[in-house]
Amino acid sequence: MIRMLTASLGVAAVVGAATVVSGPPPAEAATPLPITAVTASSDDGNVPANAVDGDLSTRWSAEGDGAWIRFDLGTEQTVGSVSVAWHQGDTRRSTFDVQVSQSGSSWATVLPRAVSSGTGTGPEDYDITDTSARYVRIVGYGNTDNEWTSITEASVLGADGEDPGGDLPYGTDGNGNPRTDDCTVSTDSDPQEAVDDASDGDVVCVKPGDYSDTTLTVDKAVTVRANGVVRVKNIDVSGSDATIDGFTVVGDELDDPSTGIKFTGTGHTIIRNLVNGKNIHYAIACDYDDCASDVLISRNTVTGTNNFGVYLWGGSDITVEWNNIYDLWTDEGNDDVDGMRIWGTGHLIRNNYIHDLNASKSEGEPHADCIQNYQNSSRTVESYDVTVENNYCVRVSGQCLIMQNGNRPTADIRDYTYRGNVCESFGSQNIELGSIPGAIIENNIMRGGVDGHVLTFHSTVDDLETTDIRVRNNVLVSAGGSTYARGSEDAMTDDTDNVELLDPSASDDWRDFEGNPDAPVPAINPDDFTRFRDLAQQADIVDEGSTPHSEDFTQDVDGATRVRGAAIDIGPFEFA
């Protein structure tokens, strides 16, 4: 079913060379949820009930890594944040997780290793993506003075009002991770010697310093954490179960090193790092000849590098989430400029924020895509069973997703699921599939078509057609061109509940964006998390979608539960 409407959505005002946006309206205050019972792992006589008695002079306290306090909401509720007042919170910082559960026995961590401010004794609010739960618990890991977790007052709050993206946890600010309570090795000098002397299981904490001439090599199961701004030239990770946390990677000469953080092996965590060296070709990438498996790449920021944000040369079961990748460009004209290139199998690419990839800023105006899998060599590399979900891809000169088999009639690239994404790109199309046998595209909003089409499905190699493309529950926004390139609909085996909108202002935004390559680029643009919701709501989308083809599709792009009403909403947002 196709619904044709006309949208007239202004995105930003342009003054001179600077893009000026007004932030979203303040969120309505979240409502505290009733707590019917509170229990804890232990206490020292300061019982768990003290944490919900409304009295900041009483407290719950327990000692030890993993001490917890649990709040029972009585029934399943939508939880949007927790508020905690910490005992002696003005003199020390506490480290903790927030976990949720439906049953009280199986727990999901929704806010890992958060750290209190250390600046006050009043309540502090900790936002999480809206999630449905009956039980909420806070798991403590001590504080900067001792191993105690002490809470004077806590509350659990429902979903915020109308500010779904005001404080989303994309990327890092580059200030490292201040946690020190679990350090087994500490150093205030070049970290390599400390890592070399460490044993499996050690936590190596590195005090702030500039080691821009150092390649940090980690080949064992240790955590290496920057307790502040720690600058290194590059990082090389191998073996298994290493964690690299909070470093700033600056590179050196062009392609020497070519990769900011390179990894191989299995089980690693690469988290909260800032990669911003201008001469870095691949910001975070696995080894070309020996990729990796079961790796988590989370909450990193990549900006100002020369070509690629995240590059997976292969591997399996790698999760890439909550990263902020923006303002990449090449001074050399040596390659394309993409947020990600994803080869390999079973990867999960979710909840990333890729934005402001402006080809006009680069030498030679290269392709600038959010995610590209373009087979342009004889190297046999497969990419299949990959899920790309709930990402924001905004202000990109090229395409949100390009997948092409291009050298032989073999389905090396196939079976992608692209769902729940916000996609705004200014190339010939938003998504291009070339000789791809099998893909699911559902519950996205795509805004483009400024120089061609929204969707292009075609053949790019002889004897291999694009087939079995299932397109469902999408909001397809064109600046005035066609929604589908000629012949694309022949590749589709499903075309259900897709809404088409016409938004001529997209062409103006394209010209403003590429015509002002030197405009300042903020790390987070709050307008990105409201304007697409406004655009989607111009159509009749609430409860109007059909059951998705893909499984385990439980949250929308802003973390709201799918489904809230009688049926799934069309597009990436689930409205109450």
Protein backbone atom coordinates (compact mmCIF):
# COMPACT_ATOMS: atom_id res chain seq x y z
CA MET A 1 0.00 0.00 0.00
CA ILE A 2 1.40 3.39 -0.99
CA ARG A 3 0.36 6.62 0.66
CA MET A 4 1.29 9.84 -1.12
CA LEU A 5 1.58 13.02 0.94
CA THR A 6 3.51 16.24 0.65
CA ALA A 7 5.86 17.24 3.44
CA SER A 8 7.24 20.71 4.01
CA LEU A 9 9.87 20.31 6.68
CA GLY A 10 12.62 22.86 7.12
CA VAL A 11 15.73 21.30 8.61
CA ALA A 12 18.11 24.11 9.46
CA ALA A 13 18.63 27.75 8.75
CA VAL A 14 21.90 28.74 7.13
CA VAL A 15 23.59 31.98 8.11
CA GLY A 16 26.76 32.63 6.15
CA ALA A 17 28.78 29.44 6.29
CA ALA A 18 27.48 28.19 9.61
CA THR A 19 24.50 25.91 10.04
CA VAL A 20 22.39 27.17 12.92
CA VAL A 21 19.91 24.86 14.60
CA SER A 22 17.72 25.40 17.58
CA GLY A 23 17.69 22.61 20.11
CA PRO A 24 14.60 20.51 20.77
CA PRO A 25 12.00 21.75 23.21
CA PRO A 26 12.62 20.76 26.82
CA ALA A 27 11.42 17.30 27.69
CA GLU A 28 8.40 16.96 29.89
CA ALA A 29 9.46 15.82 33.35
CA ALA A 30 9.51 12.05 33.68
CA THR A 31 7.11 10.60 36.23
CA PRO A 32 8.48 8.62 39.21
CA LEU A 33 7.18 5.06 39.13
CA PRO A 34 5.72 3.44 42.25
CA ILE A 35 8.09 1.03 44.00
CA THR A 36 6.25 -1.81 45.75
CA ALA A 37 9.27 -3.51 47.32
CA VAL A 38 13.00 -3.00 47.69
CA THR A 39 15.61 -5.66 48.49
CA ALA A 40 19.40 -5.82 48.42
CA SER A 41 22.26 -8.29 48.24
CA SER A 42 23.34 -7.29 51.77
CA ASP A 43 23.55 -4.34 54.14
CA ASP A 44 25.50 -3.19 57.18
CA GLY A 45 22.44 -2.27 59.21
CA ASN A 46 21.64 0.60 56.84
CA VAL A 47 18.78 -1.30 55.25
CA PRO A 48 17.52 -1.07 51.64
CA ALA A 49 14.22 0.54 52.70
CA ASN A 50 16.23 3.63 53.66
CA ALA A 51 16.88 4.30 49.96
CA VAL A 52 13.19 4.97 49.29
CA ASP A 53 12.08 6.68 52.52
CA GLY A 54 12.37 10.23 51.19
CA ASP A 55 15.04 11.11 53.77
CA LEU A 56 18.54 12.08 52.58
CA SER A 57 19.91 11.57 56.11
CA THR A 58 19.37 7.79 55.92
CA ARG A 59 21.02 5.36 53.53
CA TRP A 60 21.42 1.82 52.29
CA SER A 61 25.02 0.60 52.35
CA ALA A 62 26.75 -2.63 51.31
CA GLU A 63 30.38 -3.53 50.79
CA GLY A 64 31.98 -5.40 47.93
CA ASP A 65 32.20 -5.55 44.17
CA GLY A 66 28.75 -6.31 42.77
CA ALA A 67 26.64 -5.27 45.76
CA TRP A 68 23.14 -4.51 44.53
CA ILE A 69 19.82 -2.96 45.47
CA ARG A 70 16.65 -4.04 43.64
CA PHE A 71 13.42 -2.13 43.10
CA ASP A 72 10.17 -3.97 42.31
CA LEU A 73 7.71 -1.84 40.33
CA GLY A 74 4.88 -4.31 40.92
CA THR A 75 3.98 -4.60 37.24
CA GLU A 76 5.79 -4.19 33.96
CA GLN A 77 6.47 -0.49 33.27
CA THR A 78 8.35 1.63 30.74
CA VAL A 79 11.53 2.79 32.46
CA GLY A 80 13.38 5.83 31.10
CA SER A 81 15.83 6.78 33.84
CA VAL A 82 16.88 6.31 37.44
CA SER A 83 17.64 8.99 40.00
CA VAL A 84 20.22 8.34 42.72
CA ALA A 85 21.53 10.42 45.61
CA TRP A 86 24.88 9.07 46.81
CA HIS A 87 26.11 9.08 50.41
CA GLN A 88 29.09 11.48 50.56
CA GLY A 89 28.51 12.11 46.87
CA ASP A 90 30.28 15.45 47.08
CA THR A 91 33.64 13.90 48.04
CA ARG A 92 33.83 10.67 46.01
CA ARG A 93 32.61 9.08 42.78
CA SER A 94 30.73 5.79 42.71
CA THR A 95 30.81 3.28 39.84
CA PHE A 96 27.70 1.26 39.06
CA ASP A 97 25.53 -0.54 36.52
CA VAL A 98 21.80 -0.15 35.98
CA GLN A 99 20.08 -3.42 35.13
CA VAL A 100 16.49 -4.33 34.29
CA SER A 101 14.49 -7.55 34.34
CA GLN A 102 11.01 -8.82 33.62
CA SER A 103 11.30 -11.82 35.95
CA GLY A 104 13.77 -10.78 38.63
CA SER A 105 16.12 -13.62 37.68
CA SER A 106 17.48 -12.76 34.24
CA TRP A 107 19.02 -9.29 33.97
CA ALA A 108 19.99 -6.97 31.11
CA THR A 109 22.50 -4.18 31.68
CA VAL A 110 21.13 -0.94 30.24
CA LEU A 111 23.73 1.43 31.69
CA PRO A 112 27.16 -0.17 32.16
CA ARG A 113 29.89 1.18 34.44
CA ALA A 114 28.39 4.61 34.96
CA VAL A 115 30.20 6.97 37.33
CA SER A 116 28.59 9.53 39.64
CA SER A 117 29.67 13.15 39.42
CA GLY A 118 31.41 13.43 42.79
CA THR A 119 30.17 17.01 43.10
CA GLY A 120 27.05 16.83 45.26
CA THR A 121 24.82 14.87 47.63
CA GLY A 122 21.54 15.53 45.84
CA PRO A 123 19.79 13.27 43.33
CA GLU A 124 21.54 12.68 40.00
CA ASP A 125 19.53 11.50 36.99
CA TYR A 126 20.89 8.71 34.78
CA ASP A 127 19.09 8.33 31.47
CA ILE A 128 18.64 4.99 29.73
CA THR A 129 16.91 4.10 26.51
CA ASP A 130 13.25 3.53 27.31
CA THR A 131 12.74 -0.13 28.13
CA SER A 132 10.00 -2.30 29.56
CA ALA A 133 10.74 -3.89 32.95
CA ARG A 134 9.23 -4.83 36.28
CA TYR A 135 12.48 -4.91 38.22
CA VAL A 136 15.33 -2.40 38.25
CA ARG A 137 18.54 -2.82 40.17
CA ILE A 138 21.67 -0.80 40.76
CA VAL A 139 24.85 -2.87 40.96
CA GLY A 140 27.69 -1.11 42.74
CA TYR A 141 31.45 -1.43 42.28
CA GLY A 142 32.59 0.75 45.13
CA ASN A 143 33.77 4.32 44.98
CA THR A 144 36.99 6.26 44.67
CA ASP A 145 37.64 5.92 48.43
CA ASN A 146 36.60 2.35 49.25
CA GLU A 147 34.57 -0.70 48.17
CA TRP A 148 31.24 0.47 49.60
CA THR A 149 28.09 1.32 47.68
CA SER A 150 25.95 3.76 49.68
CA ILE A 151 22.72 5.32 48.42
CA THR A 152 20.71 7.83 50.42
CA GLU A 153 17.75 8.00 48.06
CA ALA A 154 16.77 6.44 44.74
CA SER A 155 13.81 6.49 42.39
CA VAL A 156 12.86 4.90 39.08
CA LEU A 157 11.29 7.14 36.46
CA GLY A 158 9.18 6.49 33.41
CA ALA A 159 9.77 7.63 29.86
CA ASP A 160 10.64 11.27 29.24
CA GLY A 161 8.09 13.47 27.50
CA GLU A 162 8.92 14.67 23.99
CA ASP A 163 12.72 14.62 23.95
CA PRO A 164 13.68 11.20 22.59
CA GLY A 165 17.25 12.11 21.70
CA GLY A 166 18.35 14.88 24.01
CA ASP A 167 21.10 12.91 25.71
CA LEU A 168 21.77 9.77 23.74
CA PRO A 169 25.00 8.01 24.65
CA TYR A 170 26.77 8.14 21.29
CA GLY A 171 30.55 8.08 21.42
CA THR A 172 32.85 9.63 23.99
CA ASP A 173 34.06 13.09 24.92
CA GLY A 174 37.69 11.93 24.85
CA ASN A 175 38.30 12.34 28.58
CA GLY A 176 38.88 8.67 29.30
CA ASN A 177 37.29 6.60 32.05
CA PRO A 178 37.90 7.83 35.62
CA ARG A 179 37.25 4.47 37.28
CA THR A 180 40.18 3.40 39.50
CA ASP A 181 38.69 1.16 42.19
CA ASP A 182 39.50 -2.07 40.35
CA CYS A 183 42.99 -1.14 39.13
CA THR A 184 45.58 -3.85 39.79
CA VAL A 185 48.35 -1.99 37.98
CA SER A 186 48.74 1.79 37.77
CA THR A 187 51.23 3.83 35.81
CA ASP A 188 51.97 7.49 35.21
CA SER A 189 54.49 6.80 32.44
CA ASP A 190 54.51 5.11 29.03
CA PRO A 191 51.86 2.39 29.40
CA GLN A 192 53.62 -0.26 27.31
CA GLU A 193 55.92 -1.41 30.11
CA ALA A 194 52.98 -1.78 32.49
CA VAL A 195 51.06 -3.82 29.91
CA ASP A 196 54.08 -6.03 29.24
CA ASP A 197 54.42 -6.79 32.97
CA ALA A 198 50.70 -7.41 33.51
CA SER A 199 49.09 -10.84 33.79
CA ASP A 200 45.79 -12.09 32.41
CA GLY A 201 42.94 -10.52 34.34
CA ASP A 202 44.86 -7.42 35.39
CA VAL A 203 43.37 -3.95 35.05
CA VAL A 204 46.08 -1.53 33.95
CA CYS A 205 45.12 2.08 34.71
CA VAL A 206 47.06 4.81 32.92
CA LYS A 207 47.18 8.32 34.33
CA PRO A 208 46.83 11.28 31.94
CA GLY A 209 49.79 11.80 29.66
CA ASP A 210 50.98 12.35 26.11
CA TYR A 211 52.57 9.29 24.50
CA SER A 212 51.95 10.31 20.92
CA ASP A 213 55.09 8.50 19.77
CA THR A 214 53.98 5.19 21.31
CA THR A 215 52.31 2.21 19.66
CA LEU A 216 50.42 0.47 22.45
CA THR A 217 50.51 -3.30 21.87
CA VAL A 218 48.12 -5.48 23.87
CA ASP A 219 48.34 -9.25 23.33
CA LYS A 220 46.83 -10.68 26.51
CA ALA A 221 43.54 -10.77 28.42
CA VAL A 222 43.93 -7.50 30.31
CA THR A 223 41.98 -4.27 30.60
CA VAL A 224 43.98 -1.17 29.71
CA ARG A 225 42.16 1.97 30.80
CA ALA A 226 42.95 5.65 30.39
CA ASN A 227 42.07 7.56 33.59
CA GLY A 228 41.88 10.86 31.73
CA VAL A 229 43.29 12.09 28.43
CA VAL A 230 45.99 9.62 27.38
CA ARG A 231 47.28 10.18 23.84
CA VAL A 232 48.96 7.36 21.90
CA LYS A 233 50.01 7.02 18.28
CA ASN A 234 48.07 3.81 17.64
CA ILE A 235 46.92 0.62 19.35
CA ASP A 236 47.46 -2.98 18.20
CA VAL A 237 45.31 -5.67 19.87
CA SER A 238 45.66 -9.46 19.49
CA GLY A 239 45.04 -12.64 21.46
CA SER A 240 41.74 -12.83 23.32
CA ASP A 241 39.60 -10.95 25.83
CA ALA A 242 41.48 -7.64 25.95
CA THR A 243 39.70 -4.38 26.76
CA ILE A 244 40.92 -1.03 25.44
CA ASP A 245 39.13 1.78 27.27
CA GLY A 246 39.26 5.54 26.95
CA PHE A 247 42.39 6.35 24.91
CA THR A 248 42.93 9.15 22.40
CA VAL A 249 44.57 7.90 19.19
CA VAL A 250 46.34 10.54 17.11
CA GLY A 251 48.35 8.66 14.44
CA ASP A 252 51.43 10.12 12.76
CA GLU A 253 52.26 10.37 9.04
CA LEU A 254 49.72 9.45 6.37
CA ASP A 255 49.24 5.66 6.45
CA ASP A 256 52.11 5.29 8.95
CA PRO A 257 50.35 3.88 10.84
CA SER A 258 47.39 3.31 8.53
CA THR A 259 45.12 2.08 11.34
CA GLY A 260 44.32 3.82 14.61
CA ILE A 261 43.09 0.80 16.58
CA LYS A 262 43.80 -2.53 14.86
CA PHE A 263 42.60 -5.83 16.27
CA THR A 264 42.68 -9.56 15.63
CA GLY A 265 41.74 -12.53 17.78
CA THR A 266 38.54 -12.93 19.77
CA GLY A 267 36.54 -11.59 22.67
CA HIS A 268 37.92 -8.04 22.78
CA THR A 269 36.14 -4.88 23.92
CA ILE A 270 37.09 -1.55 22.32
CA ILE A 271 35.21 1.12 24.22
CA ARG A 272 35.13 4.88 24.83
CA ASN A 273 38.16 5.69 22.67
CA LEU A 274 38.59 8.87 20.63
CA VAL A 275 40.31 8.47 17.25
CA ASN A 276 41.05 11.85 15.70
CA GLY A 277 44.42 11.68 13.96
CA LYS A 278 44.10 13.39 10.58
CA ASN A 279 46.49 11.02 8.78
CA ILE A 280 44.76 7.82 9.93
CA HIS A 281 43.30 5.84 7.02
CA TYR A 282 41.31 3.28 9.05
CA ALA A 283 40.21 4.55 12.47
CA ILE A 284 39.11 1.23 14.00
CA ALA A 285 39.71 -1.87 11.89
CA CYS A 286 40.48 -5.55 12.16
CA ASP A 287 43.59 -7.03 10.58
CA TYR A 288 43.40 -7.29 6.78
CA ASP A 289 44.50 -10.95 6.65
CA ASP A 290 43.22 -12.17 10.02
CA CYS A 291 40.13 -10.36 11.25
CA ALA A 292 38.42 -11.30 14.52
CA SER A 293 35.31 -12.73 16.14
CA ASP A 294 33.07 -11.84 19.08
CA VAL A 295 34.42 -8.30 19.44
CA LEU A 296 32.49 -5.35 20.90
CA ILE A 297 33.20 -1.89 19.43
CA SER A 298 31.18 0.52 21.54
CA ARG A 299 30.86 4.21 22.41
CA ASN A 300 33.92 5.31 20.48
CA THR A 301 34.17 8.64 18.67
CA VAL A 302 35.88 8.94 15.30
CA THR A 303 36.27 12.41 13.82
CA GLY A 304 38.65 14.29 11.55
CA THR A 305 40.40 11.18 10.24
CA ASN A 306 41.30 10.72 6.59
CA ASN A 307 39.06 7.96 5.27
CA PHE A 308 37.12 5.28 7.19
CA GLY A 309 35.51 5.13 10.62
CA VAL A 310 35.08 1.38 11.23
CA TYR A 311 36.43 -1.16 8.73
CA LEU A 312 35.77 -4.89 9.14
CA TRP A 313 37.82 -6.82 6.60
CA GLY A 314 35.97 -10.02 7.50
CA GLY A 315 35.48 -11.86 10.77
CA SER A 316 32.29 -12.95 12.47
CA ASP A 317 29.87 -11.89 15.17
CA ILE A 318 31.29 -8.41 15.77
CA THR A 319 28.98 -5.88 17.42
CA VAL A 320 29.42 -2.19 16.53
CA GLU A 321 27.19 0.02 18.66
CA TRP A 322 26.73 3.51 20.13
CA ASN A 323 29.65 4.99 18.19
CA ASN A 324 29.75 8.60 16.97
CA ILE A 325 31.43 8.89 13.56
CA TYR A 326 31.42 12.30 11.92
CA ASP A 327 33.26 14.94 9.90
CA LEU A 328 35.67 12.65 8.05
CA TRP A 329 37.44 13.95 4.95
CA THR A 330 40.56 13.33 2.90
CA ASP A 331 43.15 15.96 2.02
CA GLU A 332 44.94 13.49 -0.24
CA GLY A 333 42.18 12.16 -2.51
CA ASN A 334 43.59 8.71 -1.77
CA ASP A 335 40.36 6.78 -1.13
CA ASP A 336 36.67 7.01 -0.38
CA VAL A 337 35.39 8.43 2.90
CA ASP A 338 32.89 6.10 4.58
CA GLY A 339 31.50 5.77 8.05
CA MET A 340 31.83 1.98 7.88
CA ARG A 341 32.75 -0.84 5.56
CA ILE A 342 31.45 -4.18 6.73
CA TRP A 343 32.73 -7.53 5.43
CA GLY A 344 32.30 -10.82 7.26
CA THR A 345 29.35 -12.71 8.71
CA GLY A 346 26.92 -12.41 11.57
CA HIS A 347 27.81 -8.82 12.48
CA LEU A 348 25.42 -6.51 14.34
CA ILE A 349 25.63 -2.80 13.51
CA ARG A 350 23.24 -0.91 15.77
CA ASN A 351 22.56 2.41 17.48
CA ASN A 352 25.39 4.33 15.83
CA TYR A 353 25.35 8.01 14.88
CA ILE A 354 27.10 8.66 11.55
CA HIS A 355 26.79 12.19 10.30
CA ASP A 356 28.23 15.09 8.33
CA LEU A 357 30.29 13.23 5.73
CA ASN A 358 30.65 16.02 3.17
CA ALA A 359 32.32 15.05 -0.09
CA SER A 360 32.86 18.72 -0.95
CA LYS A 361 35.25 18.98 1.97
CA SER A 362 37.58 16.33 0.50
CA GLU A 363 40.13 16.43 -2.27
CA GLY A 364 38.60 14.84 -5.36
CA GLU A 365 35.05 14.65 -3.94
CA PRO A 366 35.14 10.92 -3.11
CA HIS A 367 32.21 8.65 -2.34
CA ALA A 368 31.05 9.46 1.18
CA ASP A 369 28.68 6.77 2.42
CA CYS A 370 27.48 5.66 5.82
CA ILE A 371 27.96 1.94 5.10
CA GLN A 372 29.51 0.53 1.95
CA ASN A 373 30.15 -3.00 0.72
CA TYR A 374 31.43 -2.51 -2.79
CA GLN A 375 33.28 -5.42 -4.35
CA ASN A 376 35.94 -3.76 -6.47
CA SER A 377 38.77 -6.30 -6.50
CA SER A 378 39.31 -9.99 -7.15
CA ARG A 379 39.74 -10.62 -3.43
CA THR A 380 37.05 -13.09 -2.31
CA VAL A 381 35.38 -11.55 0.71
CA GLU A 382 31.90 -12.48 1.83
CA SER A 383 29.42 -10.35 3.74
CA TYR A 384 26.13 -11.91 4.80
CA ASP A 385 23.76 -12.41 7.73
CA VAL A 386 24.50 -8.84 8.84
CA THR A 387 21.92 -6.76 10.72
CA VAL A 388 22.04 -2.96 10.49
CA GLU A 389 19.46 -1.53 12.88
CA ASN A 390 18.44 1.64 14.69
CA ASN A 391 21.25 3.85 13.40
CA TYR A 392 21.15 7.55 12.58
CA CYS A 393 22.83 8.31 9.23
CA VAL A 394 22.39 12.04 8.65
CA ARG A 395 23.83 14.59 6.18
CA VAL A 396 25.89 12.28 4.01
CA SER A 397 26.92 13.19 0.46
CA GLY A 398 26.73 9.64 -0.83
CA GLN A 399 24.44 6.85 0.29
CA CYS A 400 23.25 5.33 3.52
CA LEU A 401 23.91 1.80 2.29
CA ILE A 402 25.57 0.49 -0.85
CA MET A 403 26.00 -3.24 -1.48
CA GLN A 404 27.39 -4.53 -4.76
CA ASN A 405 28.68 -7.82 -6.03
CA GLY A 406 30.86 -6.61 -8.86
CA ASN A 407 33.51 -9.05 -10.06
CA ARG A 408 31.97 -12.49 -10.49
CA PRO A 409 28.47 -13.99 -10.61
CA THR A 410 28.74 -15.23 -7.02
CA ALA A 411 26.55 -14.08 -4.14
CA ASP A 412 29.41 -13.04 -1.87
CA ILE A 413 27.27 -10.19 -0.51
CA ARG A 414 23.72 -11.14 0.47
CA ASP A 415 21.12 -11.47 3.19
CA TYR A 416 21.39 -8.12 4.95
CA THR A 417 18.68 -6.85 7.28
CA TYR A 418 18.41 -3.05 7.27
CA ARG A 419 15.77 -2.00 9.79
CA GLY A 420 14.76 0.84 12.08
CA ASN A 421 17.26 3.32 10.66
CA VAL A 422 17.08 7.06 10.07
CA CYS A 423 18.70 7.66 6.68
CA GLU A 424 19.38 11.05 5.08
CA SER A 425 21.78 11.09 2.16
CA PHE A 426 22.29 13.30 -0.86
CA GLY A 427 23.70 10.93 -3.48
CA SER A 428 22.05 9.27 -6.45
CA GLN A 429 20.00 7.15 -4.05
CA ASN A 430 19.69 6.37 -0.36
CA ILE A 431 20.19 2.62 -0.80
CA GLU A 432 21.78 0.86 -3.76
CA LEU A 433 21.78 -2.92 -4.13
CA GLY A 434 23.73 -4.34 -7.07
CA SER A 435 23.39 -8.06 -7.87
CA ILE A 436 22.26 -8.82 -4.33
CA PRO A 437 20.16 -11.98 -3.93
CA GLY A 438 18.26 -11.36 -0.73
CA ALA A 439 17.78 -8.42 1.66
CA ILE A 440 15.21 -7.10 4.14
CA ILE A 441 14.57 -3.34 4.29
CA GLU A 442 11.92 -2.44 6.84
CA ASN A 443 10.78 0.24 9.27
CA ASN A 444 13.25 2.89 8.11
CA ILE A 445 12.81 6.51 7.17
CA MET A 446 14.85 7.53 4.11
CA ARG A 447 15.10 11.13 2.99
CA GLY A 448 16.89 11.87 -0.26
CA GLY A 449 16.24 11.41 -3.93
CA VAL A 450 17.83 14.79 -4.59
CA ASP A 451 19.89 13.57 -7.53
CA GLY A 452 18.05 10.44 -8.56
CA HIS A 453 16.01 8.01 -6.50
CA VAL A 454 15.42 6.79 -2.98
CA LEU A 455 15.98 3.10 -3.80
CA THR A 456 17.96 1.48 -6.61
CA PHE A 457 17.99 -2.30 -7.09
CA HIS A 458 19.79 -3.46 -10.23
CA SER A 459 22.36 -5.84 -11.67
CA THR A 460 26.07 -4.96 -11.49
CA VAL A 461 27.57 -8.25 -12.68
CA ASP A 462 26.47 -10.51 -15.51
CA ASP A 463 24.42 -13.58 -14.60
CA LEU A 464 23.60 -12.40 -11.08
CA GLU A 465 20.40 -10.44 -10.55
CA THR A 466 19.17 -8.54 -7.54
CA THR A 467 16.27 -10.63 -6.27
CA ASP A 468 14.15 -11.35 -3.20
CA ILE A 469 14.27 -7.82 -1.78
CA ARG A 470 11.58 -7.40 0.87
CA VAL A 471 10.61 -3.77 1.50
CA ARG A 472 8.09 -3.18 4.28
CA ASN A 473 6.90 -0.44 6.68
CA ASN A 474 9.25 2.28 5.40
CA VAL A 475 8.76 6.04 5.11
CA LEU A 476 10.32 6.95 1.75
CA VAL A 477 10.89 10.68 1.33
CA SER A 478 11.90 12.08 -2.06
CA ALA A 479 12.96 15.61 -2.92
CA GLY A 480 11.16 15.30 -6.21
CA GLY A 481 12.74 12.43 -8.07
CA SER A 482 11.29 8.96 -8.26
CA THR A 483 11.12 6.68 -5.27
CA TYR A 484 12.39 3.65 -7.21
CA ALA A 485 14.92 3.59 -10.02
CA ARG A 486 13.67 1.97 -13.21
CA GLY A 487 13.42 -1.80 -12.82
CA SER A 488 13.92 -1.77 -9.06
CA GLU A 489 10.42 -2.95 -8.26
CA ASP A 490 11.04 -6.08 -10.35
CA ALA A 491 13.58 -7.17 -7.72
CA MET A 492 11.08 -6.90 -4.87
CA THR A 493 9.16 -9.86 -3.50
CA ASP A 494 7.41 -7.69 -0.92
CA ASP A 495 6.20 -4.09 -1.10
CA THR A 496 3.93 -3.71 1.92
CA ASP A 497 2.86 -0.61 3.87
CA ASN A 498 5.52 1.72 2.52
CA VAL A 499 4.61 5.41 2.72
CA GLU A 500 5.91 7.87 0.12
CA LEU A 501 6.36 11.55 0.99
CA LEU A 502 7.46 14.45 -1.18
CA ASP A 503 9.80 16.97 0.52
CA PRO A 504 11.31 19.48 -1.94
CA SER A 505 13.27 21.12 0.90
CA ALA A 506 15.65 18.15 0.83
CA SER A 507 17.21 19.62 -2.32
CA ASP A 508 17.80 22.92 -0.53
CA ASP A 509 19.41 21.10 2.38
CA TRP A 510 21.68 19.24 -0.04
CA ARG A 511 22.87 22.46 -1.66
CA ASP A 512 23.35 24.18 1.71
CA PHE A 513 25.30 21.22 3.08
CA GLU A 514 27.68 20.66 0.20
CA GLY A 515 27.94 24.38 -0.51
CA ASN A 516 29.30 25.06 2.98
CA PRO A 517 32.04 22.45 3.53
CA ASP A 518 33.82 24.59 6.12
CA ALA A 519 30.79 25.00 8.38
CA PRO A 520 31.47 23.91 11.97
CA VAL A 521 30.27 20.40 12.78
CA PRO A 522 29.06 19.67 16.32
CA ALA A 523 29.63 16.24 17.81
CA ILE A 524 25.91 15.97 18.54
CA ASN A 525 23.19 17.91 16.73
CA PRO A 526 20.02 17.70 18.87
CA ASP A 527 17.84 18.58 15.88
CA ASP A 528 18.71 15.23 14.30
CA PHE A 529 16.70 13.44 16.98
CA THR A 530 13.47 15.38 16.51
CA ARG A 531 13.03 16.48 12.90
CA PHE A 532 12.67 12.99 11.42
CA ARG A 533 10.00 12.15 13.99
CA ASP A 534 8.15 15.28 12.91
CA LEU A 535 8.49 14.29 9.27
CA ALA A 536 7.27 10.73 9.83
CA GLN A 537 4.22 11.97 11.71
CA GLN A 538 2.99 13.80 8.62
CA ALA A 539 1.79 10.42 7.40
CA ASP A 540 -0.74 8.00 8.86
CA ILE A 541 1.79 5.62 10.40
CA VAL A 542 0.67 4.77 13.96
CA ASP A 543 -0.43 1.11 14.23
CA GLU A 544 -0.49 0.94 10.42
CA GLY A 545 2.47 -1.36 9.80
CA SER A 546 2.61 -5.06 9.00
CA THR A 547 4.48 -7.69 10.98
CA PRO A 548 8.21 -7.37 10.16
CA HIS A 549 10.01 -10.15 8.34
CA SER A 550 12.97 -10.06 10.73
CA GLU A 551 12.95 -11.52 14.24
CA ASP A 552 13.93 -9.99 17.60
CA PHE A 553 12.99 -6.48 16.50
CA THR A 554 12.07 -5.19 19.96
CA GLN A 555 13.08 -1.50 20.09
CA ASP A 556 12.78 1.53 17.87
CA VAL A 557 15.66 3.82 16.93
CA ASP A 558 15.28 5.83 20.15
CA GLY A 559 14.92 2.80 22.43
CA ALA A 560 11.13 2.69 22.76
CA THR A 561 9.50 -0.71 22.94
CA ARG A 562 8.12 -2.23 19.76
CA VAL A 563 5.08 -2.66 19.65
CA ARG A 564 3.09 -0.13 21.74
CA GLY A 565 -0.32 -0.32 20.08
CA ALA A 566 -2.42 -2.70 18.05
CA ALA A 567 0.29 -3.07 15.40
CA ILE A 568 3.80 -1.89 14.68
CA ASP A 569 4.14 1.72 13.53
CA ILE A 570 5.49 2.44 10.06
CA GLY A 571 9.01 3.85 10.07
CA PRO A 572 11.80 3.78 12.68
CA PHE A 573 9.79 5.39 15.50
CA GLU A 574 7.22 3.74 17.73
CA PHE A 575 4.75 6.32 19.00
CA ALA A 576 2.74 5.84 22.18
